Amino acid sequence: MDPNIDPNVIGGVGAFALIIFTIVYLATIALSLWIGYLIIKAAVRNGLREHTLWLESRRGPLR
């Protein structure tokens, strides 16, 4: 180890890197959950639309 490098500086960089890594990790998880939510929301909306069209084709217009 280089005697000119203060060990406290390295420890501070490690803590900072850990905080940044944690923030990026949580942001990635949040983004994945949000994208999954949007995909499921679109699928349910399309399914309900198709089901409504199917019902109207069998019974006539709904209200």
PDB file of N, CA and C in Angstrom:
ATOM      1  N   MET A   1       0.843  -1.181   0.000  1.00  0.00           N
ATOM      2  CA  MET A   1       0.000   0.000   0.000  1.00  0.00           C
ATOM      3  C   MET A   1       0.886   1.242   0.000  1.00  0.00           C
ATOM      4  N   ASP A   2       0.479   2.221  -0.728  1.00  0.00           N
ATOM      5  CA  ASP A   2       1.241   3.461  -0.849  1.00  0.00           C
ATOM      6  C   ASP A   2       1.157   4.247   0.467  1.00  0.00           C
ATOM      7  N   PRO A   3       2.270   4.611   1.065  1.00  0.00           N
ATOM      8  CA  PRO A   3       2.227   5.340   2.346  1.00  0.00           C
ATOM      9  C   PRO A   3       1.736   6.774   2.202  1.00  0.00           C
ATOM     10  N   ASN A   4       1.651   7.272   0.970  1.00  0.00           N
ATOM     11  CA  ASN A   4       1.187   8.652   0.764  1.00  0.00           C
ATOM     12  C   ASN A   4      -0.335   8.755   0.690  1.00  0.00           C
ATOM     13  N   ILE A   5      -1.043   7.643   0.639  1.00  0.00           N
ATOM     14  CA  ILE A   5      -2.504   7.660   0.547  1.00  0.00           C
ATOM     15  C   ILE A   5      -3.087   7.497   1.944  1.00  0.00           C
ATOM     16  N   ASP A   6      -3.924   8.409   2.325  1.00  0.00           N
ATOM     17  CA  ASP A   6      -4.566   8.353   3.632  1.00  0.00           C
ATOM     18  C   ASP A   6      -5.668   7.283   3.609  1.00  0.00           C
ATOM     19  N   PRO A   7      -5.678   6.325   4.506  1.00  0.00           N
ATOM     20  CA  PRO A   7      -6.710   5.270   4.513  1.00  0.00           C
ATOM     21  C   PRO A   7      -8.118   5.802   4.712  1.00  0.00           C
ATOM     22  N   ASN A   8      -8.261   6.943   5.352  1.00  0.00           N
ATOM     23  CA  ASN A   8      -9.595   7.515   5.557  1.00  0.00           C
ATOM     24  C   ASN A   8     -10.218   7.963   4.239  1.00  0.00           C
ATOM     25  N   VAL A   9      -9.399   8.391   3.292  1.00  0.00           N
ATOM     26  CA  VAL A   9      -9.911   8.800   1.985  1.00  0.00           C
ATOM     27  C   VAL A   9     -10.476   7.591   1.256  1.00  0.00           C
ATOM     28  N   ILE A  10      -9.781   6.475   1.328  1.00  0.00           N
ATOM     29  CA  ILE A  10     -10.260   5.258   0.662  1.00  0.00           C
ATOM     30  C   ILE A  10     -11.562   4.781   1.296  1.00  0.00           C
ATOM     31  N   GLY A  11     -11.648   4.847   2.611  1.00  0.00           N
ATOM     32  CA  GLY A  11     -12.866   4.448   3.304  1.00  0.00           C
ATOM     33  C   GLY A  11     -14.041   5.339   2.936  1.00  0.00           C
ATOM     34  N   GLY A  12     -13.785   6.623   2.780  1.00  0.00           N
ATOM     35  CA  GLY A  12     -14.844   7.555   2.385  1.00  0.00           C
ATOM     36  C   GLY A  12     -15.334   7.286   0.984  1.00  0.00           C
ATOM     37  N   VAL A  13     -14.423   6.951   0.085  1.00  0.00           N
ATOM     38  CA  VAL A  13     -14.809   6.631  -1.291  1.00  0.00           C
ATOM     39  C   VAL A  13     -15.630   5.347  -1.303  1.00  0.00           C
ATOM     40  N   GLY A  14     -15.258   4.387  -0.467  1.00  0.00           N
ATOM     41  CA  GLY A  14     -16.000   3.128  -0.399  1.00  0.00           C
ATOM     42  C   GLY A  14     -17.423   3.343   0.089  1.00  0.00           C
ATOM     43  N   ALA A  15     -17.602   4.185   1.098  1.00  0.00           N
ATOM     44  CA  ALA A  15     -18.939   4.464   1.614  1.00  0.00           C
ATOM     45  C   ALA A  15     -19.757   5.202   0.554  1.00  0.00           C
ATOM     46  N   PHE A  16     -19.128   6.155  -0.122  1.00  0.00           N
ATOM     47  CA  PHE A  16     -19.826   6.903  -1.168  1.00  0.00           C
ATOM     48  C   PHE A  16     -20.238   5.964  -2.304  1.00  0.00           C
ATOM     49  N   ALA A  17     -19.331   5.077  -2.692  1.00  0.00           N
ATOM     50  CA  ALA A  17     -19.634   4.130  -3.769  1.00  0.00           C
ATOM     51  C   ALA A  17     -20.759   3.188  -3.349  1.00  0.00           C
ATOM     52  N   LEU A  18     -20.785   2.782  -2.090  1.00  0.00           N
ATOM     53  CA  LEU A  18     -21.845   1.913  -1.589  1.00  0.00           C
ATOM     54  C   LEU A  18     -23.198   2.620  -1.640  1.00  0.00           C
ATOM     55  N   ILE A  19     -23.218   3.883  -1.272  1.00  0.00           N
ATOM     56  CA  ILE A  19     -24.470   4.654  -1.322  1.00  0.00           C
ATOM     57  C   ILE A  19     -24.944   4.799  -2.763  1.00  0.00           C
ATOM     58  N   ILE A  20     -24.044   5.136  -3.682  1.00  0.00           N
ATOM     59  CA  ILE A  20     -24.407   5.280  -5.098  1.00  0.00           C
ATOM     60  C   ILE A  20     -24.898   3.953  -5.651  1.00  0.00           C
ATOM     61  N   PHE A  21     -24.194   2.856  -5.330  1.00  0.00           N
ATOM     62  CA  PHE A  21     -24.614   1.539  -5.800  1.00  0.00           C
ATOM     63  C   PHE A  21     -26.006   1.194  -5.283  1.00  0.00           C
ATOM     64  N   THR A  22     -26.278   1.487  -4.021  1.00  0.00           N
ATOM     65  CA  THR A  22     -27.591   1.194  -3.438  1.00  0.00           C
ATOM     66  C   THR A  22     -28.688   2.001  -4.134  1.00  0.00           C
ATOM     67  N   ILE A  23     -28.425   3.264  -4.409  1.00  0.00           N
ATOM     68  CA  ILE A  23     -29.414   4.109  -5.083  1.00  0.00           C
ATOM     69  C   ILE A  23     -29.681   3.595  -6.496  1.00  0.00           C
ATOM     70  N   VAL A  24     -28.633   3.251  -7.220  1.00  0.00           N
ATOM     71  CA  VAL A  24     -28.799   2.735  -8.585  1.00  0.00           C
ATOM     72  C   VAL A  24     -29.546   1.401  -8.553  1.00  0.00           C
ATOM     73  N   TYR A  25     -29.211   0.546  -7.601  1.00  0.00           N
ATOM     74  CA  TYR A  25     -29.870  -0.760  -7.466  1.00  0.00           C
ATOM     75  C   TYR A  25     -31.366  -0.590  -7.192  1.00  0.00           C
ATOM     76  N   LEU A  26     -31.716   0.272  -6.247  1.00  0.00           N
ATOM     77  CA  LEU A  26     -33.135   0.500  -5.926  1.00  0.00           C
ATOM     78  C   LEU A  26     -33.870   1.166  -7.085  1.00  0.00           C
ATOM     79  N   ALA A  27     -33.196   2.075  -7.797  1.00  0.00           N
ATOM     80  CA  ALA A  27     -33.825   2.717  -8.950  1.00  0.00           C
ATOM     81  C   ALA A  27     -34.092   1.697 -10.053  1.00  0.00           C
ATOM     82  N   THR A  28     -33.187   0.749 -10.241  1.00  0.00           N
ATOM     83  CA  THR A  28     -33.392  -0.296 -11.244  1.00  0.00           C
ATOM     84  C   THR A  28     -34.586  -1.170 -10.884  1.00  0.00           C
ATOM     85  N   ILE A  29     -34.702  -1.529  -9.623  1.00  0.00           N
ATOM     86  CA  ILE A  29     -35.843  -2.330  -9.183  1.00  0.00           C
ATOM     87  C   ILE A  29     -37.140  -1.547  -9.364  1.00  0.00           C
ATOM     88  N   ALA A  30     -37.141  -0.268  -8.979  1.00  0.00           N
ATOM     89  CA  ALA A  30     -38.340   0.558  -9.123  1.00  0.00           C
ATOM     90  C   ALA A  30     -38.739   0.702 -10.593  1.00  0.00           C
ATOM     91  N   LEU A  31     -37.764   0.895 -11.462  1.00  0.00           N
ATOM     92  CA  LEU A  31     -38.056   1.021 -12.890  1.00  0.00           C
ATOM     93  C   LEU A  31     -38.633  -0.282 -13.446  1.00  0.00           C
ATOM     94  N   SER A  32     -38.092  -1.404 -13.021  1.00  0.00           N
ATOM     95  CA  SER A  32     -38.604  -2.703 -13.476  1.00  0.00           C
ATOM     96  C   SER A  32     -40.049  -2.910 -13.029  1.00  0.00           C
ATOM     97  N   LEU A  33     -40.343  -2.569 -11.779  1.00  0.00           N
ATOM     98  CA  LEU A  33     -41.714  -2.710 -11.279  1.00  0.00           C
ATOM     99  C   LEU A  33     -42.669  -1.782 -12.024  1.00  0.00           C
ATOM    100  N   TRP A  34     -42.236  -0.564 -12.313  1.00  0.00           N
ATOM    101  CA  TRP A  34     -43.089   0.391 -13.022  1.00  0.00           C
ATOM    102  C   TRP A  34     -43.369  -0.077 -14.440  1.00  0.00           C
ATOM    103  N   ILE A  35     -42.354  -0.569 -15.130  1.00  0.00           N
ATOM    104  CA  ILE A  35     -42.554  -1.075 -16.489  1.00  0.00           C
ATOM    105  C   ILE A  35     -43.477  -2.292 -16.464  1.00  0.00           C
ATOM    106  N   GLY A  36     -43.284  -3.170 -15.502  1.00  0.00           N
ATOM    107  CA  GLY A  36     -44.178  -4.324 -15.363  1.00  0.00           C
ATOM    108  C   GLY A  36     -45.614  -3.894 -15.114  1.00  0.00           C
ATOM    109  N   TYR A  37     -45.805  -2.892 -14.277  1.00  0.00           N
ATOM    110  CA  TYR A  37     -47.142  -2.366 -14.015  1.00  0.00           C
ATOM    111  C   TYR A  37     -47.776  -1.828 -15.291  1.00  0.00           C
ATOM    112  N   LEU A  38     -47.017  -1.080 -16.067  1.00  0.00           N
ATOM    113  CA  LEU A  38     -47.571  -0.519 -17.306  1.00  0.00           C
ATOM    114  C   LEU A  38     -47.939  -1.617 -18.299  1.00  0.00           C
ATOM    115  N   ILE A  39     -47.136  -2.672 -18.380  1.00  0.00           N
ATOM    116  CA  ILE A  39     -47.436  -3.781 -19.291  1.00  0.00           C
ATOM    117  C   ILE A  39     -48.703  -4.491 -18.856  1.00  0.00           C
ATOM    118  N   ILE A  40     -48.839  -4.767 -17.567  1.00  0.00           N
ATOM    119  CA  ILE A  40     -50.033  -5.453 -17.064  1.00  0.00           C
ATOM    120  C   ILE A  40     -51.266  -4.570 -17.237  1.00  0.00           C
ATOM    121  N   LYS A  41     -51.117  -3.272 -16.997  1.00  0.00           N
ATOM    122  CA  LYS A  41     -52.245  -2.340 -17.165  1.00  0.00           C
ATOM    123  C   LYS A  41     -52.734  -2.330 -18.617  1.00  0.00           C
ATOM    124  N   ALA A  42     -51.801  -2.303 -19.556  1.00  0.00           N
ATOM    125  CA  ALA A  42     -52.171  -2.310 -20.975  1.00  0.00           C
ATOM    126  C   ALA A  42     -52.829  -3.635 -21.356  1.00  0.00           C
ATOM    127  N   ALA A  43     -52.339  -4.740 -20.813  1.00  0.00           N
ATOM    128  CA  ALA A  43     -52.915  -6.049 -21.123  1.00  0.00           C
ATOM    129  C   ALA A  43     -54.346  -6.153 -20.591  1.00  0.00           C
ATOM    130  N   VAL A  44     -54.570  -5.675 -19.387  1.00  0.00           N
ATOM    131  CA  VAL A  44     -55.924  -5.725 -18.810  1.00  0.00           C
ATOM    132  C   VAL A  44     -56.860  -4.822 -19.600  1.00  0.00           C
ATOM    133  N   ARG A  45     -56.397  -3.640 -19.974  1.00  0.00           N
ATOM    134  CA  ARG A  45     -57.234  -2.718 -20.755  1.00  0.00           C
ATOM    135  C   ARG A  45     -57.627  -3.339 -22.092  1.00  0.00           C
ATOM    136  N   ASN A  46     -56.662  -3.959 -22.781  1.00  0.00           N
ATOM    137  CA  ASN A  46     -56.962  -4.588 -24.066  1.00  0.00           C
ATOM    138  C   ASN A  46     -57.880  -5.790 -23.896  1.00  0.00           C
ATOM    139  N   GLY A  47     -57.681  -6.552 -22.827  1.00  0.00           N
ATOM    140  CA  GLY A  47     -58.550  -7.699 -22.567  1.00  0.00           C
ATOM    141  C   GLY A  47     -59.983  -7.277 -22.294  1.00  0.00           C
ATOM    142  N   LEU A  48     -60.159  -6.222 -21.516  1.00  0.00           N
ATOM    143  CA  LEU A  48     -61.514  -5.729 -21.242  1.00  0.00           C
ATOM    144  C   LEU A  48     -62.162  -5.179 -22.509  1.00  0.00           C
ATOM    145  N   ARG A  49     -61.378  -4.501 -23.337  1.00  0.00           N
ATOM    146  CA  ARG A  49     -61.918  -3.971 -24.591  1.00  0.00           C
ATOM    147  C   ARG A  49     -62.372  -5.117 -25.501  1.00  0.00           C
ATOM    148  N   GLU A  50     -61.543  -6.141 -25.631  1.00  0.00           N
ATOM    149  CA  GLU A  50     -61.913  -7.292 -26.461  1.00  0.00           C
ATOM    150  C   GLU A  50     -63.141  -8.006 -25.905  1.00  0.00           C
ATOM    151  N   HIS A  51     -63.207  -8.128 -24.581  1.00  0.00           N
ATOM    152  CA  HIS A  51     -64.355  -8.793 -23.969  1.00  0.00           C
ATOM    153  C   HIS A  51     -65.630  -7.982 -24.195  1.00  0.00           C
ATOM    154  N   THR A  52     -65.549  -6.663 -24.087  1.00  0.00           N
ATOM    155  CA  THR A  52     -66.713  -5.811 -24.328  1.00  0.00           C
ATOM    156  C   THR A  52     -67.177  -5.943 -25.779  1.00  0.00           C
ATOM    157  N   LEU A  53     -66.248  -5.952 -26.715  1.00  0.00           N
ATOM    158  CA  LEU A  53     -66.629  -6.133 -28.123  1.00  0.00           C
ATOM    159  C   LEU A  53     -67.262  -7.497 -28.352  1.00  0.00           C
ATOM    160  N   TRP A  54     -66.751  -8.516 -27.679  1.00  0.00           N
ATOM    161  CA  TRP A  54     -67.320  -9.856 -27.814  1.00  0.00           C
ATOM    162  C   TRP A  54     -68.740  -9.890 -27.256  1.00  0.00           C
ATOM    163  N   LEU A  55     -68.949  -9.236 -26.093  1.00  0.00           N
ATOM    164  CA  LEU A  55     -70.295  -9.214 -25.516  1.00  0.00           C
ATOM    165  C   LEU A  55     -71.265  -8.453 -26.429  1.00  0.00           C
ATOM    166  N   GLU A  56     -70.815  -7.336 -26.969  1.00  0.00           N
ATOM    167  CA  GLU A  56     -71.683  -6.562 -27.854  1.00  0.00           C
ATOM    168  C   GLU A  56     -72.028  -7.332 -29.117  1.00  0.00           C
ATOM    169  N   SER A  57     -71.104  -8.154 -29.602  1.00  0.00           N
ATOM    170  CA  SER A  57     -71.401  -8.930 -30.806  1.00  0.00           C
ATOM    171  C   SER A  57     -72.427 -10.026 -30.502  1.00  0.00           C
ATOM    172  N   ARG A  58     -72.533 -10.481 -29.284  1.00  0.00           N
ATOM    173  CA  ARG A  58     -73.492 -11.532 -28.923  1.00  0.00           C
ATOM    174  C   ARG A  58     -74.846 -10.958 -28.509  1.00  0.00           C
ATOM    175  N   ARG A  59     -74.855  -9.845 -27.777  1.00  0.00           N
ATOM    176  CA  ARG A  59     -76.091  -9.339 -27.189  1.00  0.00           C
ATOM    177  C   ARG A  59     -76.559  -8.006 -27.761  1.00  0.00           C
ATOM    178  N   GLY A  60     -75.725  -7.299 -28.443  1.00  0.00           N
ATOM    179  CA  GLY A  60     -76.038  -5.961 -28.874  1.00  0.00           C
ATOM    180  C   GLY A  60     -75.282  -4.971 -28.007  1.00  0.00           C
ATOM    181  N   PRO A  61     -75.394  -3.685 -28.315  1.00  0.00           N
ATOM    182  CA  PRO A  61     -74.636  -2.660 -27.571  1.00  0.00           C
ATOM    183  C   PRO A  61     -74.962  -2.678 -26.092  1.00  0.00           C
ATOM    184  N   LEU A  62     -73.952  -2.442 -25.277  1.00  0.00           N
ATOM    185  CA  LEU A  62     -74.138  -2.326 -23.833  1.00  0.00           C
ATOM    186  C   LEU A  62     -74.485  -0.894 -23.501  1.00  0.00           C
ATOM    187  N   ARG A  63     -75.639  -0.675 -22.929  1.00  0.00           N
ATOM    188  CA  ARG A  63     -76.124   0.642 -22.473  1.00  0.00           C
ATOM    189  C   ARG A  63     -75.631   1.775 -23.313  1.00  0.00           C
TER     190      ARG A  63
END
